[in-house]
């Protein structure tokens, strides 16, 4: 059963928040209700925006998503 467009949008949005949570700055998940930034790497495992590590993370995430889409279509 294929996912609806809204499901894909929500899944993409949540994946984006999770990925941004590994940036050094973190992300405020519940903004504007709660401004505390969450950083999943605990300041040990993180990336900085605009650096090589961000590009590697981006390529890895795209490859993983591409693989999952191929599995759904098969």
Protein backbone atom coordinates (compact mmCIF):
# COMPACT_ATOMS: atom_id res chain seq x y z
CA UNK A 1 0.00 0.00 0.00
CA UNK A 2 1.69 3.24 -1.09
CA UNK A 3 2.03 6.10 1.32
CA UNK A 4 -0.02 9.22 0.75
CA UNK A 5 1.68 12.53 -0.06
CA UNK A 6 1.01 13.84 3.44
CA UNK A 7 2.71 10.78 4.95
CA UNK A 8 5.80 11.38 2.79
CA UNK A 9 5.85 15.03 3.79
CA UNK A 10 5.63 14.23 7.51
CA UNK A 11 8.29 11.52 7.21
CA UNK A 12 10.63 13.90 5.36
CA UNK A 13 10.05 16.67 7.88
CA UNK A 14 10.82 14.39 10.84
CA UNK A 15 13.92 13.01 9.10
CA UNK A 16 15.08 16.58 8.54
CA UNK A 17 14.62 17.43 12.23
CA UNK A 18 16.52 14.30 13.30
CA UNK A 19 19.39 15.07 10.94
CA UNK A 20 19.54 18.71 12.04
CA UNK A 21 19.62 17.53 15.66
CA UNK A 22 23.10 16.15 14.98
CA UNK A 23 24.41 19.58 13.99
CA UNK A 24 26.56 21.37 16.55
CA UNK A 25 23.84 23.97 17.14
CA UNK A 26 21.03 21.42 17.46
CA UNK A 27 17.41 22.26 16.68
CA UNK A 28 14.43 23.51 18.71
CA UNK A 29 11.88 20.76 17.97
CA UNK A 30 8.94 22.38 19.73
CA UNK A 31 9.49 25.97 18.69
CA UNK A 32 7.67 28.39 19.22
CA UNK A 33 6.26 26.64 22.30
CA UNK A 34 9.63 25.64 23.75
CA UNK A 35 12.93 27.14 22.58
CA UNK A 36 15.37 24.62 24.08
CA UNK A 37 17.64 23.21 21.37
CA UNK A 38 18.18 19.46 21.22
CA UNK A 39 21.51 18.07 20.05
CA UNK A 40 21.51 14.25 19.70
CA UNK A 41 25.29 13.90 19.47
CA UNK A 42 25.78 15.08 23.07
CA UNK A 43 28.50 17.45 21.79
CA UNK A 44 30.63 14.39 20.92
CA UNK A 45 29.19 13.31 17.57
CA UNK A 46 28.06 16.24 15.48
CA UNK A 47 28.66 18.10 12.27
CA UNK A 48 29.08 21.75 11.43
CA UNK A 49 27.05 23.25 8.65
CA UNK A 50 28.95 23.98 5.46
CA UNK A 51 31.78 21.55 6.25
CA UNK A 52 32.78 18.24 4.62
CA UNK A 53 31.12 16.23 7.40
CA UNK A 54 27.74 17.77 6.50
CA UNK A 55 28.18 16.79 2.86
CA UNK A 56 29.07 13.21 3.84
CA UNK A 57 26.00 13.02 6.07
CA UNK A 58 23.83 14.42 3.28
CA UNK A 59 25.08 11.88 0.73
CA UNK A 60 24.62 9.02 3.21
CA UNK A 61 21.07 10.13 4.03
CA UNK A 62 20.19 10.45 0.32
CA UNK A 63 21.58 6.99 -0.39
CA UNK A 64 19.56 5.54 2.48
CA UNK A 65 16.37 7.22 1.30
CA UNK A 66 16.98 6.11 -2.28
CA UNK A 67 17.45 2.52 -1.07
CA UNK A 68 14.20 2.64 0.92
CA UNK A 69 12.26 4.03 -2.06
CA UNK A 70 13.61 1.24 -4.26
CA UNK A 71 12.53 -1.32 -1.66
CA UNK A 72 9.03 0.18 -1.57
CA UNK A 73 8.73 0.06 -5.36
CA UNK A 74 9.97 -3.55 -5.64
